C-alpha atoms as a PDB file:
ATOM      1  CA  MET A   1     -45.930  24.564 -26.049  1.00  0.00           C
ATOM      2  CA  ILE A   2     -42.636  24.335 -28.486  1.00  0.00           C
ATOM      3  CA  LEU A   3     -40.336  22.365 -25.996  1.00  0.00           C
ATOM      4  CA  GLU A   4     -43.457  20.381 -24.759  1.00  0.00           C
ATOM      5  CA  LEU A   5     -43.514  19.261 -28.958  1.00  0.00           C
ATOM      6  CA  LEU A   6     -39.558  19.100 -28.997  1.00  0.00           C
ATOM      7  CA  ARG A   7     -39.498  16.543 -25.998  1.00  0.00           C
ATOM      8  CA  ARG A   8     -42.142  14.390 -27.769  1.00  0.00           C
ATOM      9  CA  ILE A   9     -40.260  14.119 -31.225  1.00  0.00           C
ATOM     10  CA  PHE A  10     -35.958  13.759 -29.481  1.00  0.00           C
ATOM     11  CA  CYS A  11     -37.182  12.384 -26.329  1.00  0.00           C
ATOM     12  CA  LYS A  12     -39.727  10.180 -28.118  1.00  0.00           C
ATOM     13  CA  GLN A  13     -41.323   9.408 -25.090  1.00  0.00           C
ATOM     14  CA  GLU A  14     -45.150  10.536 -24.181  1.00  0.00           C
ATOM     15  CA  VAL A  15     -46.251  13.673 -22.242  1.00  0.00           C
ATOM     16  CA  THR A  16     -48.589  13.616 -21.192  1.00  0.00           C
ATOM     17  CA  LYS A  17     -50.444  16.168 -17.601  1.00  0.00           C
ATOM     18  CA  MET A  18     -51.113  13.619 -15.209  1.00  0.00           C
ATOM     19  CA  LYS A  19     -54.873  13.998 -14.125  1.00  0.00           C
ATOM     20  CA  LEU A  20     -55.430  13.639 -10.266  1.00  0.00           C
ATOM     21  CA  ILE A  21     -59.426  12.762  -9.013  1.00  0.00           C
ATOM     22  CA  LYS A  22     -59.168  12.109  -6.295  1.00  0.00           C
ATOM     23  CA  ASN A  23     -62.508   9.242  -4.797  1.00  0.00           C
ATOM     24  CA  TYR A  24     -61.999   7.897  -2.018  1.00  0.00           C
ATOM     25  CA  ILE A  25     -63.843   4.534  -0.976  1.00  0.00           C
ATOM     26  CA  PRO A  26     -66.987   5.300   1.488  1.00  0.00           C
ATOM     27  CA  GLU A  27     -66.179   3.597   5.032  1.00  0.00           C
ATOM     28  CA  GLY A  28     -68.138   0.867   5.472  1.00  0.00           C
ATOM     29  CA  ALA A  29     -66.663  -0.807   1.380  1.00  0.00           C
ATOM     30  CA  ARG A  30     -66.238  -4.007   1.605  1.00  0.00           C
ATOM     31  CA  CYS A  31     -62.479  -3.151   1.264  1.00  0.00           C
ATOM     32  CA  SER A  32     -62.546  -0.225   2.995  1.00  0.00           C
ATOM     33  CA  THR A  33     -59.712  -0.612   6.150  1.00  0.00           C
ATOM     34  CA  HIS A  34     -59.496   2.904   7.943  1.00  0.00           C
ATOM     35  CA  HIS A  35     -56.110   1.965   9.879  1.00  0.00           C
ATOM     36  CA  GLY A  36     -52.685   3.806   9.549  1.00  0.00           C
ATOM     37  CA  PHE A  37     -49.500   2.708   8.671  1.00  0.00           C
ATOM     38  CA  ASP A  38     -47.352   0.169  11.334  1.00  0.00           C
ATOM     39  CA  ASN A  39     -44.797   3.759  12.090  1.00  0.00           C
ATOM     40  CA  GLY A  40     -46.968   6.202  10.478  1.00  0.00           C
ATOM     41  CA  GLN A  41     -46.996   6.041   7.000  1.00  0.00           C
ATOM     42  CA  ALA A  42     -45.487   4.225   3.632  1.00  0.00           C
ATOM     43  CA  SER A  43     -41.941   2.997   2.891  1.00  0.00           C
ATOM     44  CA  ILE A  44     -42.939   1.080  -0.258  1.00  0.00           C
ATOM     45  CA  ILE A  45     -44.268   1.620  -3.606  1.00  0.00           C
ATOM     46  CA  THR A  46     -46.017  -1.716  -5.449  1.00  0.00           C
ATOM     47  CA  ILE A  47     -47.139  -2.149  -8.572  1.00  0.00           C
ATOM     48  CA  HIS A  48     -49.299  -3.646  -9.708  1.00  0.00           C
ATOM     49  CA  TRP A  49     -51.401  -4.674 -12.919  1.00  0.00           C
ATOM     50  CA  THR A  50     -55.671  -4.792 -12.667  1.00  0.00           C
ATOM     51  CA  GLY A  51     -55.550  -7.720 -14.622  1.00  0.00           C
ATOM     52  CA  PRO A  52     -56.300  -8.878 -18.442  1.00  0.00           C
ATOM     53  CA  LEU A  53     -59.045  -6.523 -18.778  1.00  0.00           C
ATOM     54  CA  PRO A  54     -57.513  -3.476 -20.688  1.00  0.00           C
ATOM     55  CA  ASN A  55     -60.809  -1.600 -21.837  1.00  0.00           C
ATOM     56  CA  GLN A  56     -61.768  -0.790 -17.848  1.00  0.00           C
ATOM     57  CA  THR A  57     -61.765   2.877 -16.340  1.00  0.00           C
ATOM     58  CA  PRO A  58     -60.284   3.242 -12.996  1.00  0.00           C
ATOM     59  CA  GLU A  59     -63.806   3.863 -11.666  1.00  0.00           C
ATOM     60  CA  GLN A  60     -64.766   0.320 -13.030  1.00  0.00           C
ATOM     61  CA  VAL A  61     -62.528  -0.923 -11.163  1.00  0.00           C
ATOM     62  CA  ARG A  62     -62.687   1.096  -7.717  1.00  0.00           C
ATOM     63  CA  ASN A  63     -66.546   0.908  -7.637  1.00  0.00           C
ATOM     64  CA  TYR A  64     -65.806  -2.872  -8.111  1.00  0.00           C
ATOM     65  CA  TRP A  65     -63.069  -2.731  -5.347  1.00  0.00           C
ATOM     66  CA  ILE A  66     -66.344  -1.312  -3.177  1.00  0.00           C
ATOM     67  CA  SER A  67     -68.406  -3.558  -4.577  1.00  0.00           C
ATOM     68  CA  ASN A  68     -66.785  -7.517  -3.709  1.00  0.00           C
ATOM     69  CA  GLY A  69     -64.826  -5.794  -0.869  1.00  0.00           C
ATOM     70  CA  GLU A  70     -60.929  -8.355  -1.748  1.00  0.00           C
ATOM     71  CA  ALA A  71     -58.932  -5.677  -2.436  1.00  0.00           C
ATOM     72  CA  SER A  72     -57.921  -1.919  -3.583  1.00  0.00           C
ATOM     73  CA  ALA A  73     -54.934   0.086  -4.139  1.00  0.00           C
ATOM     74  CA  HIS A  74     -54.192   3.639  -3.005  1.00  0.00           C
ATOM     75  CA  PHE A  75     -53.699   4.424  -7.512  1.00  0.00           C
ATOM     76  CA  ILE A  76     -55.263   3.320 -10.099  1.00  0.00           C
ATOM     77  CA  ILE A  77     -53.352   4.429 -13.176  1.00  0.00           C
ATOM     78  CA  LYS A  78     -55.163   4.479 -17.426  1.00  0.00           C
ATOM     79  CA  ASP A  79     -53.318   6.572 -19.887  1.00  0.00           C
ATOM     80  CA  GLU A  80     -53.516  10.257 -17.817  1.00  0.00           C
ATOM     81  CA  VAL A  81     -55.644   9.070 -15.394  1.00  0.00           C
ATOM     82  CA  CYS A  82     -54.871   9.084 -11.951  1.00  0.00           C
ATOM     83  CA  LEU A  83     -57.736   8.183  -9.303  1.00  0.00           C
ATOM     84  CA  GLN A  84     -56.305   8.371  -5.907  1.00  0.00           C
ATOM     85  CA  CYS A  85     -58.716   5.634  -3.748  1.00  0.00           C
ATOM     86  CA  TRP A  86     -57.248   6.000  -0.275  1.00  0.00           C
ATOM     87  CA  PRO A  87     -55.327   8.772   1.544  1.00  0.00           C
ATOM     88  CA  THR A  88     -51.550   7.731   1.476  1.00  0.00           C
ATOM     89  CA  ASP A  89     -51.780   7.624   5.224  1.00  0.00           C
ATOM     90  CA  THR A  90     -54.166   4.776   4.850  1.00  0.00           C
ATOM     91  CA  VAL A  91     -53.483   1.069   4.233  1.00  0.00           C
ATOM     92  CA  ALA A  92     -54.661  -0.655   1.164  1.00  0.00           C
ATOM     93  CA  TRP A  93     -55.374  -4.242   1.168  1.00  0.00           C
ATOM     94  CA  HIS A  94     -53.399  -5.181  -2.668  1.00  0.00           C
ATOM     95  CA  ALA A  95     -49.900  -6.378  -1.968  1.00  0.00           C
ATOM     96  CA  GLY A  96     -51.003  -9.715  -0.875  1.00  0.00           C
ATOM     97  CA  CYS A  97     -49.707  -9.825   2.691  1.00  0.00           C
ATOM     98  CA  ARG A  98     -49.936  -7.750   5.231  1.00  0.00           C
ATOM     99  CA  ALA A  99     -45.653  -6.887   5.302  1.00  0.00           C
ATOM    100  CA  GLY A 100     -46.759  -5.626   1.873  1.00  0.00           C
ATOM    101  CA  ASN A 101     -49.891  -4.253   2.463  1.00  0.00           C
ATOM    102  CA  TYR A 102     -48.909  -2.065   6.074  1.00  0.00           C
ATOM    103  CA  THR A 103     -45.413  -0.845   4.035  1.00  0.00           C
ATOM    104  CA  SER A 104     -46.570   0.527   1.372  1.00  0.00           C
ATOM    105  CA  LEU A 105     -48.467   2.185  -1.553  1.00  0.00           C
ATOM    106  CA  GLY A 106     -50.448   0.451  -4.062  1.00  0.00           C
ATOM    107  CA  ILE A 107     -50.544   1.831  -7.639  1.00  0.00           C
ATOM    108  CA  GLU A 108     -52.499  -0.517 -10.118  1.00  0.00           C
ATOM    109  CA  VAL A 109     -52.406   0.395 -13.904  1.00  0.00           C
ATOM    110  CA  ILE A 110     -55.104  -0.704 -16.581  1.00  0.00           C
ATOM    111  CA  PRO A 111     -53.167  -2.402 -19.048  1.00  0.00           C
ATOM    112  CA  LYS A 112     -52.683  -1.522 -22.757  1.00  0.00           C
ATOM    113  CA  ASN A 113     -53.280  -5.412 -23.661  1.00  0.00           C
ATOM    114  CA  GLU A 114     -53.855  -8.703 -22.500  1.00  0.00           C
ATOM    115  CA  ALA A 115     -51.078  -9.788 -22.382  1.00  0.00           C
ATOM    116  CA  GLY A 116     -50.295  -6.672 -19.883  1.00  0.00           C
ATOM    117  CA  GLU A 117     -48.286  -4.445 -21.082  1.00  0.00           C
ATOM    118  CA  PHE A 118     -49.126  -1.118 -19.790  1.00  0.00           C
ATOM    119  CA  SER A 119     -49.001   2.515 -22.596  1.00  0.00           C
ATOM    120  CA  ASP A 120     -46.667   5.188 -23.005  1.00  0.00           C
ATOM    121  CA  LYS A 121     -49.367   7.398 -21.444  1.00  0.00           C
ATOM    122  CA  SER A 122     -49.398   5.368 -18.205  1.00  0.00           C
ATOM    123  CA  ILE A 123     -45.546   5.033 -17.543  1.00  0.00           C
ATOM    124  CA  THR A 124     -45.938   8.833 -17.895  1.00  0.00           C
ATOM    125  CA  THR A 125     -48.809   9.043 -15.392  1.00  0.00           C
ATOM    126  CA  LEU A 126     -46.811   6.774 -13.057  1.00  0.00           C
ATOM    127  CA  LYS A 127     -44.312   8.096 -13.239  1.00  0.00           C
ATOM    128  CA  GLU A 128     -45.021  11.772 -13.025  1.00  0.00           C
ATOM    129  CA  LEU A 129     -47.625   9.641  -9.684  1.00  0.00           C
ATOM    130  CA  ILE A 130     -44.330   8.857  -8.338  1.00  0.00           C
ATOM    131  CA  ALA A 131     -42.177  12.369  -8.903  1.00  0.00           C
ATOM    132  CA  THR A 132     -44.431  14.077  -6.396  1.00  0.00           C
ATOM    133  CA  LEU A 133     -44.273  11.094  -3.319  1.00  0.00           C
ATOM    134  CA  PRO A 134     -41.495  10.554  -1.522  1.00  0.00           C
ATOM    135  CA  LYS A 135     -38.735   8.435  -2.751  1.00  0.00           C
ATOM    136  CA  MET A 136     -39.335   5.685  -1.843  1.00  0.00           C
ATOM    137  CA  PRO A 137     -37.941   1.559  -3.062  1.00  0.00           C
ATOM    138  CA  ILE A 138     -40.171   0.807  -5.999  1.00  0.00           C
ATOM    139  CA  VAL A 139     -40.935  -2.981  -6.376  1.00  0.00           C
ATOM    140  CA  ARG A 140     -43.453  -5.936  -8.132  1.00  0.00           C
ATOM    141  CA  HIS A 141     -46.806  -7.273  -6.457  1.00  0.00           C
ATOM    142  CA  TYR A 142     -44.534 -10.006  -7.578  1.00  0.00           C
ATOM    143  CA  ASP A 143     -41.854  -9.115  -5.252  1.00  0.00           C
ATOM    144  CA  TRP A 144     -44.457 -10.051  -2.144  1.00  0.00           C
ATOM    145  CA  THR A 145     -45.517 -12.400  -3.382  1.00  0.00           C
ATOM    146  CA  SER A 146     -44.909 -14.384  -6.476  1.00  0.00           C
ATOM    147  CA  LYS A 147     -48.009 -13.623  -7.416  1.00  0.00           C
ATOM    148  CA  ASP A 148     -47.851 -12.809 -11.338  1.00  0.00           C
ATOM    149  CA  CYS A 149     -48.582  -8.938 -11.184  1.00  0.00           C
ATOM    150  CA  PRO A 150     -47.644  -6.786 -13.245  1.00  0.00           C
ATOM    151  CA  ARG A 151     -47.821  -9.436 -15.387  1.00  0.00           C
ATOM    152  CA  TYR A 152     -45.969  -8.140 -18.026  1.00  0.00           C
ATOM    153  CA  TYR A 153     -43.183  -6.462 -15.461  1.00  0.00           C
ATOM    154  CA  CYS A 154     -42.944  -9.963 -14.281  1.00  0.00           C
ATOM    155  CA  ASP A 155     -40.062 -10.868 -16.335  1.00  0.00           C
ATOM    156  CA  VAL A 156     -36.857  -9.531 -15.115  1.00  0.00           C
ATOM    157  CA  ASN A 157     -35.355  -7.086 -18.013  1.00  0.00           C
ATOM    158  CA  LYS A 158     -39.445  -5.873 -18.560  1.00  0.00           C
ATOM    159  CA  TRP A 159     -39.760  -5.031 -14.917  1.00  0.00           C
ATOM    160  CA  GLN A 160     -35.549  -3.030 -15.170  1.00  0.00           C
ATOM    161  CA  GLU A 161     -36.662  -1.365 -18.781  1.00  0.00           C
ATOM    162  CA  LEU A 162     -39.952  -0.108 -16.686  1.00  0.00           C
ATOM    163  CA  LEU A 163     -38.734   1.368 -13.636  1.00  0.00           C
ATOM    164  CA  ALA A 164     -35.396   3.078 -15.861  1.00  0.00           C
ATOM    165  CA  LYS A 165     -38.478   4.413 -18.113  1.00  0.00           C
ATOM    166  CA  ILE A 166     -39.842   5.872 -13.877  1.00  0.00           C
ATOM    167  CA  SER A 167     -37.644   6.911 -11.843  1.00  0.00           C
ATOM    168  CA  LYS A 168     -35.245   9.121 -14.422  1.00  0.00           C
END
């Protein structure tokens, strides 16, 4: 307890404990794939934002995917909550291209503002989640298709700052 307090004071980084909730998208949903990765497992992590809607909950995003069927991702993060929507050995439609979908795990982050900036708690949860996954390169959706996703982090300097925070 004292150590955590000292970290908050001196490290100026949000101390969270990720709350991982597994609530898989059901088979038969419009966004369902249920295909495995080409080589059996993902080799890249792709970071996204859910759009300029900071008041969403992870469950609302998941439910939207189920009913609209256009996309999905493996995880959705907001602050300390991390909702897992797919097993990590299953393809999700998130990268906008076959190469991205069939090689990477998708992580959506609900931003803290309409500009797309992630909250400190979400960044800490993202870091905690990545630490549980096999070590692999981390890219943006932008790197697959030039889509402005995650919008705030399409700026290379902001992206490098985020990578430094989540890669420590």
